[in-house]
PDB file of N, CA and C in Angstrom:
ATOM      1  N   MET A   1       0.837  -1.173   0.000  1.00  0.00           N
ATOM      2  CA  MET A   1       0.000   0.000   0.000  1.00  0.00           C
ATOM      3  C   MET A   1       0.886   1.243   0.000  1.00  0.00           C
ATOM      4  N   GLN A   2       0.464   2.242  -0.734  1.00  0.00           N
ATOM      5  CA  GLN A   2       1.229   3.473  -0.784  1.00  0.00           C
ATOM      6  C   GLN A   2       0.933   4.330   0.450  1.00  0.00           C
ATOM      7  N   PRO A   3       1.966   4.939   1.043  1.00  0.00           N
ATOM      8  CA  PRO A   3       1.727   5.734   2.239  1.00  0.00           C
ATOM      9  C   PRO A   3       0.875   6.979   1.990  1.00  0.00           C
ATOM     10  N   ASN A   4       0.864   7.490   0.771  1.00  0.00           N
ATOM     11  CA  ASN A   4       0.066   8.675   0.488  1.00  0.00           C
ATOM     12  C   ASN A   4      -1.173   8.341  -0.337  1.00  0.00           C
ATOM     13  N   GLY A   5      -1.607   7.105  -0.304  1.00  0.00           N
ATOM     14  CA  GLY A   5      -2.778   6.688  -1.073  1.00  0.00           C
ATOM     15  C   GLY A   5      -4.026   7.455  -0.712  1.00  0.00           C
ATOM     16  N   GLY A   6      -4.204   7.797   0.554  1.00  0.00           N
ATOM     17  CA  GLY A   6      -5.378   8.555   0.979  1.00  0.00           C
ATOM     18  C   GLY A   6      -5.393   9.944   0.389  1.00  0.00           C
ATOM     19  N   ILE A   7      -4.236  10.579   0.345  1.00  0.00           N
ATOM     20  CA  ILE A   7      -4.139  11.927  -0.230  1.00  0.00           C
ATOM     21  C   ILE A   7      -4.395  11.863  -1.726  1.00  0.00           C
ATOM     22  N   GLN A   8      -3.834  10.879  -2.393  1.00  0.00           N
ATOM     23  CA  GLN A   8      -4.049  10.736  -3.832  1.00  0.00           C
ATOM     24  C   GLN A   8      -5.516  10.462  -4.134  1.00  0.00           C
ATOM     25  N   THR A   9      -6.151   9.643  -3.322  1.00  0.00           N
ATOM     26  CA  THR A   9      -7.562   9.342  -3.507  1.00  0.00           C
ATOM     27  C   THR A   9      -8.389  10.608  -3.350  1.00  0.00           C
ATOM     28  N   ARG A  10      -8.144  11.356  -2.293  1.00  0.00           N
ATOM     29  CA  ARG A  10      -8.887  12.596  -2.053  1.00  0.00           C
ATOM     30  C   ARG A  10      -8.683  13.577  -3.194  1.00  0.00           C
ATOM     31  N   ASN A  11      -7.454  13.716  -3.640  1.00  0.00           N
ATOM     32  CA  ASN A  11      -7.161  14.644  -4.736  1.00  0.00           C
ATOM     33  C   ASN A  11      -7.849  14.214  -6.029  1.00  0.00           C
ATOM     34  N   THR A  12      -7.865  12.920  -6.305  1.00  0.00           N
ATOM     35  CA  THR A  12      -8.530  12.415  -7.504  1.00  0.00           C
ATOM     36  C   THR A  12     -10.023  12.696  -7.451  1.00  0.00           C
ATOM     37  N   ILE A  13     -10.634  12.458  -6.305  1.00  0.00           N
ATOM     38  CA  ILE A  13     -12.073  12.710  -6.147  1.00  0.00           C
ATOM     39  C   ILE A  13     -12.367  14.196  -6.314  1.00  0.00           C
ATOM     40  N   GLU A  14     -11.537  15.049  -5.742  1.00  0.00           N
ATOM     41  CA  GLU A  14     -11.747  16.495  -5.866  1.00  0.00           C
ATOM     42  C   GLU A  14     -11.581  16.961  -7.312  1.00  0.00           C
ATOM     43  N   ARG A  15     -10.560  16.445  -8.005  1.00  0.00           N
ATOM     44  CA  ARG A  15     -10.363  16.823  -9.413  1.00  0.00           C
ATOM     45  C   ARG A  15     -11.526  16.337 -10.273  1.00  0.00           C
ATOM     46  N   MET A  16     -12.002  15.124  -9.980  1.00  0.00           N
ATOM     47  CA  MET A  16     -13.111  14.571 -10.739  1.00  0.00           C
ATOM     48  C   MET A  16     -14.380  15.379 -10.498  1.00  0.00           C
ATOM     49  N   ALA A  17     -14.628  15.755  -9.257  1.00  0.00           N
ATOM     50  CA  ALA A  17     -15.812  16.557  -8.939  1.00  0.00           C
ATOM     51  C   ALA A  17     -15.754  17.908  -9.643  1.00  0.00           C
ATOM     52  N   GLU A  18     -14.595  18.520  -9.649  1.00  0.00           N
ATOM     53  CA  GLU A  18     -14.442  19.812 -10.321  1.00  0.00           C
ATOM     54  C   GLU A  18     -14.652  19.664 -11.827  1.00  0.00           C
ATOM     55  N   THR A  19     -14.175  18.584 -12.403  1.00  0.00           N
ATOM     56  CA  THR A  19     -14.393  18.335 -13.827  1.00  0.00           C
ATOM     57  C   THR A  19     -15.874  18.133 -14.110  1.00  0.00           C
ATOM     58  N   MET A  20     -16.557  17.416 -13.242  1.00  0.00           N
ATOM     59  CA  MET A  20     -18.003  17.215 -13.402  1.00  0.00           C
ATOM     60  C   MET A  20     -18.728  18.558 -13.389  1.00  0.00           C
ATOM     61  N   ARG A  21     -18.342  19.412 -12.465  1.00  0.00           N
ATOM     62  CA  ARG A  21     -18.964  20.741 -12.391  1.00  0.00           C
ATOM     63  C   ARG A  21     -18.704  21.541 -13.653  1.00  0.00           C
ATOM     64  N   SER A  22     -17.500  21.448 -14.186  1.00  0.00           N
ATOM     65  CA  SER A  22     -17.171  22.226 -15.385  1.00  0.00           C
ATOM     66  C   SER A  22     -17.922  21.702 -16.615  1.00  0.00           C
ATOM     67  N   ILE A  23     -18.174  20.399 -16.674  1.00  0.00           N
ATOM     68  CA  ILE A  23     -18.933  19.826 -17.788  1.00  0.00           C
ATOM     69  C   ILE A  23     -20.392  20.220 -17.654  1.00  0.00           C
ATOM     70  N   GLY A  24     -20.886  20.201 -16.443  1.00  0.00           N
ATOM     71  CA  GLY A  24     -22.253  20.627 -16.195  1.00  0.00           C
ATOM     72  C   GLY A  24     -23.220  19.480 -15.991  1.00  0.00           C
ATOM     73  N   GLU A  25     -24.467  19.852 -15.885  1.00  0.00           N
ATOM     74  CA  GLU A  25     -25.523  18.876 -15.639  1.00  0.00           C
ATOM     75  C   GLU A  25     -25.579  17.876 -16.782  1.00  0.00           C
ATOM     76  N   GLY A  26     -25.780  16.634 -16.439  1.00  0.00           N
ATOM     77  CA  GLY A  26     -25.828  15.589 -17.450  1.00  0.00           C
ATOM     78  C   GLY A  26     -24.479  14.959 -17.736  1.00  0.00           C
ATOM     79  N   CYS A  27     -23.470  15.300 -16.955  1.00  0.00           N
ATOM     80  CA  CYS A  27     -22.139  14.722 -17.124  1.00  0.00           C
ATOM     81  C   CYS A  27     -22.223  13.209 -16.918  1.00  0.00           C
ATOM     82  N   THR A  28     -21.626  12.461 -17.820  1.00  0.00           N
ATOM     83  CA  THR A  28     -21.661  11.004 -17.730  1.00  0.00           C
ATOM     84  C   THR A  28     -20.257  10.454 -17.479  1.00  0.00           C
ATOM     85  N   ASP A  29     -20.208   9.167 -17.173  1.00  0.00           N
ATOM     86  CA  ASP A  29     -18.921   8.495 -17.007  1.00  0.00           C
ATOM     87  C   ASP A  29     -18.078   8.660 -18.259  1.00  0.00           C
ATOM     88  N   ARG A  30     -18.720   8.530 -19.382  1.00  0.00           N
ATOM     89  CA  ARG A  30     -18.024   8.632 -20.669  1.00  0.00           C
ATOM     90  C   ARG A  30     -17.417  10.023 -20.865  1.00  0.00           C
ATOM     91  N   ASP A  31     -18.145  11.051 -20.435  1.00  0.00           N
ATOM     92  CA  ASP A  31     -17.623  12.419 -20.534  1.00  0.00           C
ATOM     93  C   ASP A  31     -16.322  12.558 -19.753  1.00  0.00           C
ATOM     94  N   LEU A  32     -16.280  11.976 -18.565  1.00  0.00           N
ATOM     95  CA  LEU A  32     -15.073  12.056 -17.745  1.00  0.00           C
ATOM     96  C   LEU A  32     -13.903  11.342 -18.408  1.00  0.00           C
ATOM     97  N   ILE A  33     -14.172  10.192 -18.979  1.00  0.00           N
ATOM     98  CA  ILE A  33     -13.113   9.428 -19.643  1.00  0.00           C
ATOM     99  C   ILE A  33     -12.615  10.173 -20.882  1.00  0.00           C
ATOM    100  N   LEU A  34     -13.535  10.784 -21.615  1.00  0.00           N
ATOM    101  CA  LEU A  34     -13.168  11.486 -22.842  1.00  0.00           C
ATOM    102  C   LEU A  34     -12.342  12.745 -22.587  1.00  0.00           C
ATOM    103  N   THR A  35     -12.374  13.276 -21.370  1.00  0.00           N
ATOM    104  CA  THR A  35     -11.537  14.440 -21.069  1.00  0.00           C
ATOM    105  C   THR A  35     -10.061  14.062 -21.086  1.00  0.00           C
ATOM    106  N   GLY A  36      -9.771  12.777 -20.909  1.00  0.00           N
ATOM    107  CA  GLY A  36      -8.389  12.312 -20.888  1.00  0.00           C
ATOM    108  C   GLY A  36      -7.727  12.475 -19.535  1.00  0.00           C
ATOM    109  N   LYS A  37      -8.476  12.940 -18.553  1.00  0.00           N
ATOM    110  CA  LYS A  37      -7.924  13.161 -17.216  1.00  0.00           C
ATOM    111  C   LYS A  37      -8.088  11.946 -16.308  1.00  0.00           C
ATOM    112  N   PHE A  38      -9.066  11.087 -16.633  1.00  0.00           N
ATOM    113  CA  PHE A  38      -9.381   9.963 -15.755  1.00  0.00           C
ATOM    114  C   PHE A  38      -9.521   8.678 -16.555  1.00  0.00           C
ATOM    115  N   SER A  39      -9.069   7.598 -15.933  1.00  0.00           N
ATOM    116  CA  SER A  39      -9.209   6.290 -16.575  1.00  0.00           C
ATOM    117  C   SER A  39     -10.579   5.700 -16.225  1.00  0.00           C
ATOM    118  N   GLU A  40     -10.954   4.683 -16.966  1.00  0.00           N
ATOM    119  CA  GLU A  40     -12.230   4.015 -16.691  1.00  0.00           C
ATOM    120  C   GLU A  40     -12.225   3.429 -15.275  1.00  0.00           C
ATOM    121  N   ARG A  41     -11.088   2.913 -14.871  1.00  0.00           N
ATOM    122  CA  ARG A  41     -10.953   2.344 -13.518  1.00  0.00           C
ATOM    123  C   ARG A  41     -11.186   3.414 -12.456  1.00  0.00           C
ATOM    124  N   GLN A  42     -10.594   4.587 -12.632  1.00  0.00           N
ATOM    125  CA  GLN A  42     -10.780   5.670 -11.669  1.00  0.00           C
ATOM    126  C   GLN A  42     -12.242   6.092 -11.600  1.00  0.00           C
ATOM    127  N   VAL A  43     -12.885   6.172 -12.738  1.00  0.00           N
ATOM    128  CA  VAL A  43     -14.294   6.577 -12.764  1.00  0.00           C
ATOM    129  C   VAL A  43     -15.146   5.555 -12.010  1.00  0.00           C
ATOM    130  N   LYS A  44     -14.851   4.279 -12.213  1.00  0.00           N
ATOM    131  CA  LYS A  44     -15.610   3.241 -11.505  1.00  0.00           C
ATOM    132  C   LYS A  44     -15.354   3.289 -10.002  1.00  0.00           C
ATOM    133  N   LEU A  45     -14.091   3.508  -9.612  1.00  0.00           N
ATOM    134  CA  LEU A  45     -13.741   3.518  -8.189  1.00  0.00           C
ATOM    135  C   LEU A  45     -14.243   4.751  -7.450  1.00  0.00           C
ATOM    136  N   PHE A  46     -14.086   5.916  -8.074  1.00  0.00           N
ATOM    137  CA  PHE A  46     -14.322   7.175  -7.369  1.00  0.00           C
ATOM    138  C   PHE A  46     -15.522   7.959  -7.865  1.00  0.00           C
ATOM    139  N   GLY A  47     -16.172   7.492  -8.899  1.00  0.00           N
ATOM    140  CA  GLY A  47     -17.252   8.244  -9.528  1.00  0.00           C
ATOM    141  C   GLY A  47     -18.391   8.605  -8.595  1.00  0.00           C
ATOM    142  N   GLN A  48     -18.834   7.667  -7.798  1.00  0.00           N
ATOM    143  CA  GLN A  48     -19.966   7.930  -6.902  1.00  0.00           C
ATOM    144  C   GLN A  48     -19.614   9.006  -5.878  1.00  0.00           C
ATOM    145  N   ARG A  49     -18.440   8.891  -5.276  1.00  0.00           N
ATOM    146  CA  ARG A  49     -18.023   9.894  -4.288  1.00  0.00           C
ATOM    147  C   ARG A  49     -17.825  11.254  -4.940  1.00  0.00           C
ATOM    148  N   ALA A  50     -17.274  11.258  -6.137  1.00  0.00           N
ATOM    149  CA  ALA A  50     -17.059  12.518  -6.848  1.00  0.00           C
ATOM    150  C   ALA A  50     -18.392  13.157  -7.224  1.00  0.00           C
ATOM    151  N   THR A  51     -19.362  12.348  -7.591  1.00  0.00           N
ATOM    152  CA  THR A  51     -20.689  12.870  -7.919  1.00  0.00           C
ATOM    153  C   THR A  51     -21.309  13.540  -6.702  1.00  0.00           C
ATOM    154  N   GLU A  52     -21.204  12.890  -5.558  1.00  0.00           N
ATOM    155  CA  GLU A  52     -21.745  13.466  -4.329  1.00  0.00           C
ATOM    156  C   GLU A  52     -21.056  14.786  -3.988  1.00  0.00           C
ATOM    157  N   LEU A  53     -19.739  14.815  -4.117  1.00  0.00           N
ATOM    158  CA  LEU A  53     -18.988  16.034  -3.834  1.00  0.00           C
ATOM    159  C   LEU A  53     -19.348  17.134  -4.823  1.00  0.00           C
ATOM    160  N   ALA A  54     -19.451  16.805  -6.099  1.00  0.00           N
ATOM    161  CA  ALA A  54     -19.811  17.799  -7.113  1.00  0.00           C
ATOM    162  C   ALA A  54     -21.188  18.394  -6.844  1.00  0.00           C
ATOM    163  N   THR A  55     -22.106  17.565  -6.395  1.00  0.00           N
ATOM    164  CA  THR A  55     -23.450  18.044  -6.067  1.00  0.00           C
ATOM    165  C   THR A  55     -23.416  19.038  -4.917  1.00  0.00           C
ATOM    166  N   VAL A  56     -22.669  18.709  -3.885  1.00  0.00           N
ATOM    167  CA  VAL A  56     -22.538  19.597  -2.736  1.00  0.00           C
ATOM    168  C   VAL A  56     -21.856  20.891  -3.144  1.00  0.00           C
ATOM    169  N   MET A  57     -20.810  20.788  -3.945  1.00  0.00           N
ATOM    170  CA  MET A  57     -20.083  21.983  -4.389  1.00  0.00           C
ATOM    171  C   MET A  57     -20.995  22.887  -5.219  1.00  0.00           C
ATOM    172  N   ALA A  58     -21.818  22.295  -6.073  1.00  0.00           N
ATOM    173  CA  ALA A  58     -22.723  23.079  -6.911  1.00  0.00           C
ATOM    174  C   ALA A  58     -23.811  23.758  -6.076  1.00  0.00           C
ATOM    175  N   GLN A  59     -24.302  23.071  -5.077  1.00  0.00           N
ATOM    176  CA  GLN A  59     -25.338  23.649  -4.222  1.00  0.00           C
ATOM    177  C   GLN A  59     -24.785  24.787  -3.373  1.00  0.00           C
ATOM    178  N   ALA A  60     -23.514  24.679  -2.998  1.00  0.00           N
ATOM    179  CA  ALA A  60     -22.891  25.701  -2.152  1.00  0.00           C
ATOM    180  C   ALA A  60     -22.543  26.964  -2.951  1.00  0.00           C
ATOM    181  N   ALA A  61     -22.407  26.813  -4.258  1.00  0.00           N
ATOM    182  CA  ALA A  61     -22.009  27.968  -5.087  1.00  0.00           C
ATOM    183  C   ALA A  61     -23.140  28.936  -5.311  1.00  0.00           C
TER     184      ALA A  61
END
């Protein structure tokens, strides 16, 4: 296990959530993959958490 895996995970989720916000409503898994920033594996692993974070971020704005 990597010692900074938690930080990398958090950063990936935050970057993914920000990308979702920039794409806008209706953002799909495919949209995230097509940006070239995230792999299909990352989207499957972190997508749900990133969606929740993006929703909260959008509501707070």
